[in-house]
Amino acid sequence: MLADIERVIDQYSDMIYRIALTRTGTKENAEDIYQEVFLKYNQKSPKFESPSHEKAWLIRVTINMTKNFNNSSWNKKVVNLDENLVFETPEETGVYEVVCRLPQNYKTVIYLMYYEGYKIDEIAKIMNKKEGTIKTWAFRARQILKDELKGGFEDE
């Protein structure tokens, strides 16, 4: 069992942390969610049909935990401080800032599509939504990103 949890942490830790960071907006909260996801994995000891099923389960648990966190009364009374996140280029900083301002579901769809490489139908299954909903969220998120980032970096 210990070897299994170590394998899962090694394989999925970056992904879980990035999803949690994208959805919570702070390193501290992302770290808390990260720990809770792997604790739940260890407690439940789920059996999976395939590695993709395991990955989808971890993503779903992370999304659910961040949703619960974001809806908690404690979180609604907290003001986030500047995270001082370090990026390689001004472009990355600008894109990250715009993505962080997207509605929660849009952020998640963008992350799963462009960072994890999931297709619309796979995201729909992970998020328990219809494919049409995911397509709409992706379209709207891309439109917001396009409008917000238009002309921002070519002019510098």
Protein backbone atom coordinates (compact mmCIF):
# COMPACT_ATOMS: atom_id res chain seq x y z
CA MET A 1 0.00 0.00 0.00
CA LEU A 2 2.83 2.41 0.85
CA ALA A 3 4.44 1.79 -2.53
CA ASP A 4 1.12 2.52 -4.25
CA ILE A 5 0.59 5.87 -2.51
CA GLU A 6 4.20 6.84 -3.24
CA ARG A 7 3.69 6.00 -6.93
CA VAL A 8 0.48 8.03 -7.10
CA ILE A 9 2.10 11.02 -5.38
CA ASP A 10 5.13 10.87 -7.68
CA GLN A 11 2.96 10.57 -10.77
CA TYR A 12 0.17 13.05 -10.02
CA SER A 13 1.41 15.53 -7.41
CA ASP A 14 2.17 18.34 -9.87
CA MET A 15 -1.18 18.00 -11.59
CA ILE A 16 -3.15 17.94 -8.31
CA TYR A 17 -1.28 20.96 -6.97
CA ARG A 18 -1.77 22.99 -10.17
CA ILE A 19 -5.50 22.26 -10.30
CA ALA A 20 -5.86 23.21 -6.64
CA LEU A 21 -3.80 26.39 -7.13
CA THR A 22 -5.82 27.39 -10.18
CA ARG A 23 -9.11 26.84 -8.37
CA THR A 24 -8.23 28.26 -4.92
CA GLY A 25 -5.88 31.08 -5.90
CA THR A 26 -3.36 30.68 -3.06
CA LYS A 27 -0.38 28.42 -2.46
CA GLU A 28 -1.42 27.67 1.11
CA ASN A 29 -4.93 26.60 0.17
CA ALA A 30 -3.62 24.58 -2.78
CA GLU A 31 -1.22 22.77 -0.44
CA ASP A 32 -4.08 21.96 1.95
CA ILE A 33 -6.23 20.58 -0.88
CA TYR A 34 -3.23 18.65 -2.24
CA GLN A 35 -2.74 16.92 1.11
CA GLU A 36 -6.44 16.18 1.49
CA VAL A 37 -6.64 14.56 -1.96
CA PHE A 38 -3.82 12.15 -1.21
CA LEU A 39 -5.15 11.49 2.28
CA LYS A 40 -8.53 10.58 0.76
CA TYR A 41 -6.78 8.33 -1.77
CA ASN A 42 -4.94 6.59 1.05
CA GLN A 43 -8.09 6.21 3.17
CA LYS A 44 -10.34 4.96 0.37
CA SER A 45 -7.76 2.73 -1.38
CA PRO A 46 -9.82 2.81 -4.59
CA LYS A 47 -9.34 0.21 -7.31
CA PHE A 48 -9.20 1.46 -10.89
CA GLU A 49 -9.84 -0.06 -14.29
CA SER A 50 -6.94 1.82 -15.90
CA PRO A 51 -4.40 4.59 -15.30
CA SER A 52 -6.73 7.07 -17.04
CA HIS A 53 -9.53 6.11 -14.63
CA GLU A 54 -7.17 6.70 -11.70
CA LYS A 55 -6.15 10.11 -13.07
CA ALA A 56 -9.77 11.10 -13.69
CA TRP A 57 -10.68 10.07 -10.12
CA LEU A 58 -7.90 12.23 -8.68
CA ILE A 59 -8.95 15.20 -10.81
CA ARG A 60 -12.60 14.78 -9.77
CA VAL A 61 -11.67 14.57 -6.08
CA THR A 62 -9.49 17.68 -6.43
CA ILE A 63 -12.29 19.61 -8.15
CA ASN A 64 -14.81 18.53 -5.50
CA MET A 65 -12.51 19.46 -2.63
CA THR A 66 -11.76 22.89 -4.11
CA LYS A 67 -15.46 23.42 -4.71
CA ASN A 68 -16.19 22.58 -1.08
CA PHE A 69 -13.37 24.84 0.05
CA ASN A 70 -14.50 27.76 -2.12
CA ASN A 71 -18.07 27.41 -0.84
CA SER A 72 -17.10 27.20 2.82
CA SER A 73 -18.09 30.07 5.09
CA TRP A 74 -14.49 30.38 6.29
CA ASN A 75 -13.22 31.05 2.76
CA LYS A 76 -15.89 33.68 2.10
CA LYS A 77 -14.53 35.74 5.02
CA VAL A 78 -10.86 35.52 4.01
CA VAL A 79 -9.06 38.07 1.83
CA ASN A 80 -6.23 36.61 -0.28
CA LEU A 81 -2.88 38.35 -0.13
CA ASP A 82 -0.44 38.75 -3.03
CA GLU A 83 1.12 35.38 -3.75
CA ASN A 84 4.33 36.72 -5.32
CA LEU A 85 4.21 33.94 -7.88
CA VAL A 86 7.31 33.77 -10.05
CA PHE A 87 6.97 33.39 -13.79
CA GLU A 88 9.62 33.22 -16.47
CA THR A 89 8.27 35.97 -18.71
CA PRO A 90 5.85 38.90 -18.55
CA GLU A 91 3.64 37.00 -21.00
CA GLU A 92 3.24 34.11 -18.56
CA THR A 93 2.40 36.51 -15.75
CA GLY A 94 -0.26 38.25 -17.84
CA VAL A 95 -1.83 35.03 -19.05
CA TYR A 96 -1.88 33.59 -15.52
CA GLU A 97 -3.53 36.73 -14.14
CA VAL A 98 -6.24 36.65 -16.81
CA VAL A 99 -6.84 32.92 -16.33
CA CYS A 100 -7.15 33.47 -12.56
CA ARG A 101 -9.91 36.00 -13.16
CA LEU A 102 -11.97 33.51 -15.16
CA PRO A 103 -15.00 31.93 -13.51
CA GLN A 104 -14.13 28.72 -11.66
CA ASN A 105 -15.51 26.27 -14.24
CA TYR A 106 -13.84 28.12 -17.12
CA LYS A 107 -10.46 27.93 -15.33
CA THR A 108 -10.85 24.23 -14.82
CA VAL A 109 -11.80 23.55 -18.44
CA ILE A 110 -8.88 25.63 -19.74
CA TYR A 111 -6.46 23.83 -17.43
CA LEU A 112 -7.70 20.36 -18.36
CA MET A 113 -7.70 21.15 -22.09
CA TYR A 114 -4.43 22.95 -22.50
CA TYR A 115 -2.28 21.61 -19.72
CA GLU A 116 -3.52 18.04 -19.24
CA GLY A 117 -4.51 17.52 -22.88
CA TYR A 118 -8.04 16.27 -22.27
CA LYS A 119 -10.69 16.41 -24.99
CA ILE A 120 -14.16 17.88 -24.53
CA ASP A 121 -15.86 14.50 -24.01
CA GLU A 122 -13.27 13.47 -21.40
CA ILE A 123 -13.63 16.75 -19.51
CA ALA A 124 -17.40 16.32 -19.55
CA LYS A 125 -17.06 12.93 -17.86
CA ILE A 126 -14.57 14.21 -15.30
CA MET A 127 -16.69 17.23 -14.40
CA ASN A 128 -20.01 15.36 -14.62
CA LYS A 129 -21.38 17.83 -17.17
CA LYS A 130 -22.78 17.57 -20.69
CA GLU A 131 -20.37 17.96 -23.60
CA GLY A 132 -22.31 21.00 -24.80
CA THR A 133 -21.76 22.71 -21.45
CA ILE A 134 -18.01 22.06 -21.61
CA LYS A 135 -17.88 23.36 -25.21
CA THR A 136 -19.71 26.52 -24.14
CA TRP A 137 -17.40 27.08 -21.17
CA ALA A 138 -14.32 26.52 -23.34
CA PHE A 139 -15.61 28.91 -26.02
CA ARG A 140 -16.46 31.61 -23.48
CA ALA A 141 -13.15 31.19 -21.65
CA ARG A 142 -11.19 31.45 -24.91
CA GLN A 143 -13.17 34.54 -25.87
CA ILE A 144 -12.42 36.22 -22.54
CA LEU A 145 -8.74 35.32 -22.83
CA LYS A 146 -8.63 36.58 -26.41
CA ASP A 147 -10.29 39.88 -25.47
CA GLU A 148 -8.17 40.40 -22.35
CA LEU A 149 -4.86 39.50 -23.98
CA LYS A 150 -5.47 41.13 -27.37
CA GLY A 151 -2.69 43.54 -28.20
CA GLY A 152 -1.21 43.22 -24.75
CA PHE A 153 2.16 41.75 -25.62
CA GLU A 154 2.78 42.63 -29.26
CA ASP A 155 2.74 46.33 -28.40
CA GLU A 156 5.57 46.16 -25.84
